[in-house]
Amino acid sequence: MSNEEKKEEVKPKVDKKELMKSILKKQKTRRVFIPKEKGEPEGATESVILNGYRLNIKKGVYVDVPEQVADVIEEATMATAKAFEDAKEKLKKTEKMEFDNS
């Protein structure tokens, strides 16, 4: 294959951000709620970034977001909850060992 033929095969670059924005616009929406952390100001947001496209989701209110964004938020919430529960269990075991004088 000659260099000239290779040049003709070059595909136009697709802007990933714009493509993701287009995909998200076509999705059904789901209502989500992200609680504000203690001390966060009114209007605080949580960022979700998909293929370079950033969405800032307002905390402390119910917001309709594309399904894919809702899935990301749900997965992050479950991972945080699991990490918190695991830390609590580890702390319980540590406290039990420290105070077990038998």
N, C-alpha and C. Protein backbone atom coordinates (compact mmCIF):
# COMPACT_ATOMS: atom_id res chain seq x y z
N MET A 1 0.85 -1.18 0.00
CA MET A 1 0.00 0.00 0.00
C MET A 1 0.89 1.24 0.00
N SER A 2 0.63 2.15 -0.90
CA SER A 2 1.45 3.35 -1.01
C SER A 2 1.06 4.37 0.06
N ASN A 3 1.95 5.35 0.28
CA ASN A 3 1.68 6.41 1.25
C ASN A 3 0.42 7.19 0.88
N GLU A 4 0.21 7.35 -0.42
CA GLU A 4 -0.95 8.10 -0.89
C GLU A 4 -2.24 7.37 -0.51
N GLU A 5 -2.25 6.05 -0.65
CA GLU A 5 -3.43 5.26 -0.29
C GLU A 5 -3.68 5.30 1.21
N LYS A 6 -2.61 5.29 2.00
CA LYS A 6 -2.75 5.36 3.46
C LYS A 6 -3.37 6.68 3.89
N LYS A 7 -2.99 7.76 3.22
CA LYS A 7 -3.53 9.08 3.55
C LYS A 7 -5.03 9.13 3.32
N GLU A 8 -5.49 8.45 2.26
CA GLU A 8 -6.92 8.45 1.93
C GLU A 8 -7.73 7.69 2.97
N GLU A 9 -7.12 6.76 3.68
CA GLU A 9 -7.82 5.95 4.67
C GLU A 9 -8.01 6.67 6.01
N VAL A 10 -7.40 7.80 6.18
CA VAL A 10 -7.49 8.52 7.45
C VAL A 10 -8.94 8.91 7.70
N LYS A 11 -9.45 8.48 8.85
CA LYS A 11 -10.84 8.78 9.20
C LYS A 11 -10.89 10.10 9.97
N PRO A 12 -11.97 10.84 9.79
CA PRO A 12 -12.08 12.09 10.55
C PRO A 12 -12.15 11.80 12.04
N LYS A 13 -11.52 12.68 12.82
CA LYS A 13 -11.53 12.49 14.27
C LYS A 13 -12.92 12.80 14.81
N VAL A 14 -13.34 11.98 15.76
CA VAL A 14 -14.63 12.17 16.40
C VAL A 14 -14.36 12.78 17.77
N ASP A 15 -15.03 13.86 18.09
CA ASP A 15 -14.90 14.49 19.39
C ASP A 15 -15.67 13.64 20.40
N LYS A 16 -14.93 12.95 21.27
CA LYS A 16 -15.55 12.04 22.25
C LYS A 16 -16.55 12.75 23.15
N LYS A 17 -16.22 13.97 23.54
CA LYS A 17 -17.12 14.72 24.43
C LYS A 17 -18.46 14.97 23.74
N GLU A 18 -18.40 15.44 22.51
CA GLU A 18 -19.64 15.74 21.79
C GLU A 18 -20.43 14.47 21.50
N LEU A 19 -19.72 13.38 21.19
CA LEU A 19 -20.39 12.11 20.95
C LEU A 19 -21.11 11.64 22.22
N MET A 20 -20.43 11.74 23.38
CA MET A 20 -21.04 11.33 24.64
C MET A 20 -22.24 12.21 24.96
N LYS A 21 -22.11 13.50 24.74
CA LYS A 21 -23.22 14.43 24.98
C LYS A 21 -24.43 14.01 24.15
N SER A 22 -24.20 13.67 22.89
CA SER A 22 -25.26 13.25 21.99
C SER A 22 -25.91 11.95 22.47
N ILE A 23 -25.10 11.01 22.91
CA ILE A 23 -25.61 9.72 23.41
C ILE A 23 -26.46 9.94 24.65
N LEU A 24 -25.97 10.76 25.58
CA LEU A 24 -26.70 11.00 26.82
C LEU A 24 -28.03 11.71 26.58
N LYS A 25 -28.06 12.62 25.61
CA LYS A 25 -29.30 13.35 25.30
C LYS A 25 -30.41 12.41 24.85
N LYS A 26 -30.03 11.30 24.23
CA LYS A 26 -31.01 10.35 23.69
C LYS A 26 -31.53 9.37 24.75
N GLN A 27 -30.88 9.30 25.90
CA GLN A 27 -31.26 8.33 26.92
C GLN A 27 -32.45 8.80 27.74
N LYS A 28 -33.18 7.82 28.28
CA LYS A 28 -34.24 8.13 29.24
C LYS A 28 -33.55 8.69 30.48
N THR A 29 -34.31 9.41 31.28
CA THR A 29 -33.73 9.98 32.50
C THR A 29 -34.24 9.25 33.74
N ARG A 30 -33.46 9.37 34.79
CA ARG A 30 -33.85 8.86 36.11
C ARG A 30 -33.60 9.96 37.12
N ARG A 31 -34.40 9.99 38.14
CA ARG A 31 -34.25 10.99 39.20
C ARG A 31 -33.26 10.46 40.24
N VAL A 32 -32.28 11.28 40.58
CA VAL A 32 -31.28 10.91 41.57
C VAL A 32 -31.20 12.00 42.64
N PHE A 33 -30.67 11.61 43.77
CA PHE A 33 -30.44 12.54 44.87
C PHE A 33 -29.05 12.28 45.42
N ILE A 34 -28.22 13.30 45.42
CA ILE A 34 -26.89 13.20 46.01
C ILE A 34 -26.90 14.11 47.24
N PRO A 35 -26.77 13.52 48.42
CA PRO A 35 -26.81 14.37 49.62
C PRO A 35 -25.60 15.29 49.72
N LYS A 36 -25.83 16.44 50.32
CA LYS A 36 -24.73 17.36 50.58
C LYS A 36 -23.96 16.84 51.79
N GLU A 37 -22.66 17.01 51.76
CA GLU A 37 -21.81 16.65 52.89
C GLU A 37 -21.92 17.76 53.94
N LYS A 38 -21.66 17.41 55.16
CA LYS A 38 -21.70 18.39 56.24
C LYS A 38 -20.74 19.53 55.91
N GLY A 39 -21.24 20.76 56.01
CA GLY A 39 -20.41 21.93 55.77
C GLY A 39 -20.32 22.38 54.32
N GLU A 40 -20.90 21.62 53.38
CA GLU A 40 -20.85 22.04 51.99
C GLU A 40 -21.81 23.21 51.77
N PRO A 41 -21.42 24.16 50.94
CA PRO A 41 -22.27 25.32 50.70
C PRO A 41 -23.51 24.97 49.88
N GLU A 42 -24.49 25.83 49.93
CA GLU A 42 -25.68 25.70 49.09
C GLU A 42 -25.22 25.73 47.63
N GLY A 43 -25.78 24.86 46.82
CA GLY A 43 -25.40 24.83 45.40
C GLY A 43 -24.19 23.95 45.10
N ALA A 44 -23.71 23.20 46.11
CA ALA A 44 -22.58 22.29 45.88
C ALA A 44 -22.95 21.27 44.81
N THR A 45 -21.96 20.84 44.03
CA THR A 45 -22.21 19.88 42.96
C THR A 45 -21.26 18.69 43.04
N GLU A 46 -21.65 17.63 42.38
CA GLU A 46 -20.82 16.44 42.21
C GLU A 46 -20.58 16.29 40.72
N SER A 47 -19.35 16.12 40.32
CA SER A 47 -19.03 15.97 38.89
C SER A 47 -19.05 14.52 38.48
N VAL A 48 -19.63 14.27 37.33
CA VAL A 48 -19.59 12.96 36.68
C VAL A 48 -18.99 13.21 35.31
N ILE A 49 -17.91 12.48 35.00
CA ILE A 49 -17.23 12.67 33.72
C ILE A 49 -17.27 11.35 32.95
N LEU A 50 -17.84 11.40 31.76
CA LEU A 50 -17.93 10.23 30.89
C LEU A 50 -17.28 10.57 29.55
N ASN A 51 -16.22 9.87 29.22
CA ASN A 51 -15.48 10.11 27.97
C ASN A 51 -15.14 11.59 27.77
N GLY A 52 -14.77 12.24 28.84
CA GLY A 52 -14.37 13.63 28.75
C GLY A 52 -15.51 14.63 28.87
N TYR A 53 -16.75 14.15 28.83
CA TYR A 53 -17.91 15.04 28.95
C TYR A 53 -18.28 15.14 30.43
N ARG A 54 -18.25 16.35 30.95
CA ARG A 54 -18.47 16.58 32.37
C ARG A 54 -19.88 17.09 32.63
N LEU A 55 -20.53 16.47 33.62
CA LEU A 55 -21.83 16.94 34.10
C LEU A 55 -21.67 17.27 35.57
N ASN A 56 -22.13 18.42 35.99
CA ASN A 56 -22.10 18.82 37.39
C ASN A 56 -23.51 18.66 37.93
N ILE A 57 -23.68 17.72 38.85
CA ILE A 57 -24.98 17.39 39.41
C ILE A 57 -25.13 18.10 40.75
N LYS A 58 -26.19 18.88 40.88
CA LYS A 58 -26.42 19.63 42.11
C LYS A 58 -26.74 18.68 43.26
N LYS A 59 -26.12 18.93 44.40
CA LYS A 59 -26.35 18.11 45.59
C LYS A 59 -27.49 18.68 46.43
N GLY A 60 -28.14 17.79 47.18
CA GLY A 60 -29.17 18.22 48.11
C GLY A 60 -30.54 18.42 47.49
N VAL A 61 -30.69 18.11 46.20
CA VAL A 61 -31.98 18.20 45.53
C VAL A 61 -32.12 17.02 44.56
N TYR A 62 -33.36 16.68 44.23
CA TYR A 62 -33.59 15.63 43.24
C TYR A 62 -33.35 16.22 41.85
N VAL A 63 -32.61 15.46 41.03
CA VAL A 63 -32.24 15.91 39.69
C VAL A 63 -32.49 14.77 38.70
N ASP A 64 -33.07 15.10 37.55
CA ASP A 64 -33.23 14.11 36.48
C ASP A 64 -31.97 14.09 35.63
N VAL A 65 -31.38 12.90 35.50
CA VAL A 65 -30.15 12.74 34.74
C VAL A 65 -30.30 11.57 33.78
N PRO A 66 -29.50 11.51 32.71
CA PRO A 66 -29.54 10.36 31.80
C PRO A 66 -29.24 9.06 32.57
N GLU A 67 -29.82 7.96 32.11
CA GLU A 67 -29.67 6.67 32.79
C GLU A 67 -28.22 6.29 33.05
N GLN A 68 -27.35 6.52 32.09
CA GLN A 68 -25.95 6.15 32.25
C GLN A 68 -25.31 6.93 33.39
N VAL A 69 -25.67 8.19 33.55
CA VAL A 69 -25.15 9.01 34.64
C VAL A 69 -25.71 8.51 35.97
N ALA A 70 -27.00 8.17 35.98
CA ALA A 70 -27.62 7.63 37.19
C ALA A 70 -26.92 6.33 37.61
N ASP A 71 -26.56 5.49 36.64
CA ASP A 71 -25.85 4.25 36.95
C ASP A 71 -24.50 4.53 37.61
N VAL A 72 -23.77 5.51 37.08
CA VAL A 72 -22.46 5.87 37.64
C VAL A 72 -22.63 6.36 39.08
N ILE A 73 -23.62 7.21 39.31
CA ILE A 73 -23.87 7.74 40.65
C ILE A 73 -24.25 6.61 41.60
N GLU A 74 -25.11 5.71 41.13
CA GLU A 74 -25.54 4.58 41.96
C GLU A 74 -24.37 3.67 42.32
N GLU A 75 -23.53 3.37 41.35
CA GLU A 75 -22.36 2.51 41.60
C GLU A 75 -21.40 3.17 42.59
N ALA A 76 -21.19 4.46 42.44
CA ALA A 76 -20.30 5.18 43.36
C ALA A 76 -20.87 5.21 44.76
N THR A 77 -22.18 5.40 44.87
CA THR A 77 -22.84 5.42 46.18
C THR A 77 -22.73 4.06 46.85
N MET A 78 -22.95 2.99 46.10
CA MET A 78 -22.85 1.64 46.67
C MET A 78 -21.41 1.33 47.09
N ALA A 79 -20.43 1.74 46.29
CA ALA A 79 -19.03 1.50 46.64
C ALA A 79 -18.65 2.26 47.91
N THR A 80 -19.13 3.49 48.04
CA THR A 80 -18.85 4.29 49.24
C THR A 80 -19.50 3.64 50.46
N ALA A 81 -20.75 3.20 50.32
CA ALA A 81 -21.45 2.55 51.44
C ALA A 81 -20.73 1.27 51.86
N LYS A 82 -20.27 0.49 50.88
CA LYS A 82 -19.55 -0.75 51.20
C LYS A 82 -18.24 -0.44 51.92
N ALA A 83 -17.52 0.55 51.45
CA ALA A 83 -16.26 0.93 52.08
C ALA A 83 -16.50 1.38 53.52
N PHE A 84 -17.57 2.12 53.74
CA PHE A 84 -17.91 2.59 55.08
C PHE A 84 -18.23 1.40 55.99
N GLU A 85 -19.03 0.46 55.50
CA GLU A 85 -19.39 -0.73 56.29
C GLU A 85 -18.15 -1.58 56.59
N ASP A 86 -17.28 -1.74 55.59
CA ASP A 86 -16.05 -2.51 55.80
C ASP A 86 -15.17 -1.84 56.86
N ALA A 87 -15.08 -0.52 56.82
CA ALA A 87 -14.28 0.21 57.80
C ALA A 87 -14.87 0.07 59.20
N LYS A 88 -16.20 0.10 59.30
CA LYS A 88 -16.85 -0.07 60.60
C LYS A 88 -16.55 -1.46 61.17
N GLU A 89 -16.64 -2.48 60.34
CA GLU A 89 -16.36 -3.86 60.78
C GLU A 89 -14.90 -3.99 61.23
N LYS A 90 -14.00 -3.42 60.48
CA LYS A 90 -12.58 -3.47 60.83
C LYS A 90 -12.34 -2.77 62.16
N LEU A 91 -12.99 -1.64 62.36
CA LEU A 91 -12.86 -0.89 63.60
C LEU A 91 -13.41 -1.70 64.77
N LYS A 92 -14.54 -2.36 64.57
CA LYS A 92 -15.12 -3.21 65.63
C LYS A 92 -14.14 -4.30 66.03
N LYS A 93 -13.55 -4.96 65.03
CA LYS A 93 -12.60 -6.04 65.32
C LYS A 93 -11.38 -5.50 66.06
N THR A 94 -10.89 -4.34 65.64
CA THR A 94 -9.73 -3.73 66.28
C THR A 94 -10.05 -3.37 67.72
N GLU A 95 -11.21 -2.77 67.96
CA GLU A 95 -11.60 -2.40 69.32
C GLU A 95 -11.78 -3.63 70.19
N LYS A 96 -12.35 -4.68 69.62
CA LYS A 96 -12.55 -5.91 70.39
C LYS A 96 -11.21 -6.51 70.78
N MET A 97 -10.24 -6.48 69.90
CA MET A 97 -8.91 -7.03 70.20
C MET A 97 -8.22 -6.19 71.26
N GLU A 98 -8.36 -4.87 71.20
CA GLU A 98 -7.69 -3.98 72.14
C GLU A 98 -8.24 -4.13 73.54
N PHE A 99 -9.53 -4.39 73.66
CA PHE A 99 -10.17 -4.44 74.97
C PHE A 99 -10.43 -5.84 75.48
N ASP A 100 -10.01 -6.84 74.73
CA ASP A 100 -10.22 -8.22 75.14
C ASP A 100 -9.05 -8.62 76.06
N ASN A 101 -9.28 -8.59 77.37
CA ASN A 101 -8.23 -8.89 78.34
C ASN A 101 -8.33 -10.31 78.88
N SER A 102 -9.02 -11.18 78.17
CA SER A 102 -9.18 -12.54 78.69
C SER A 102 -8.02 -13.41 78.35
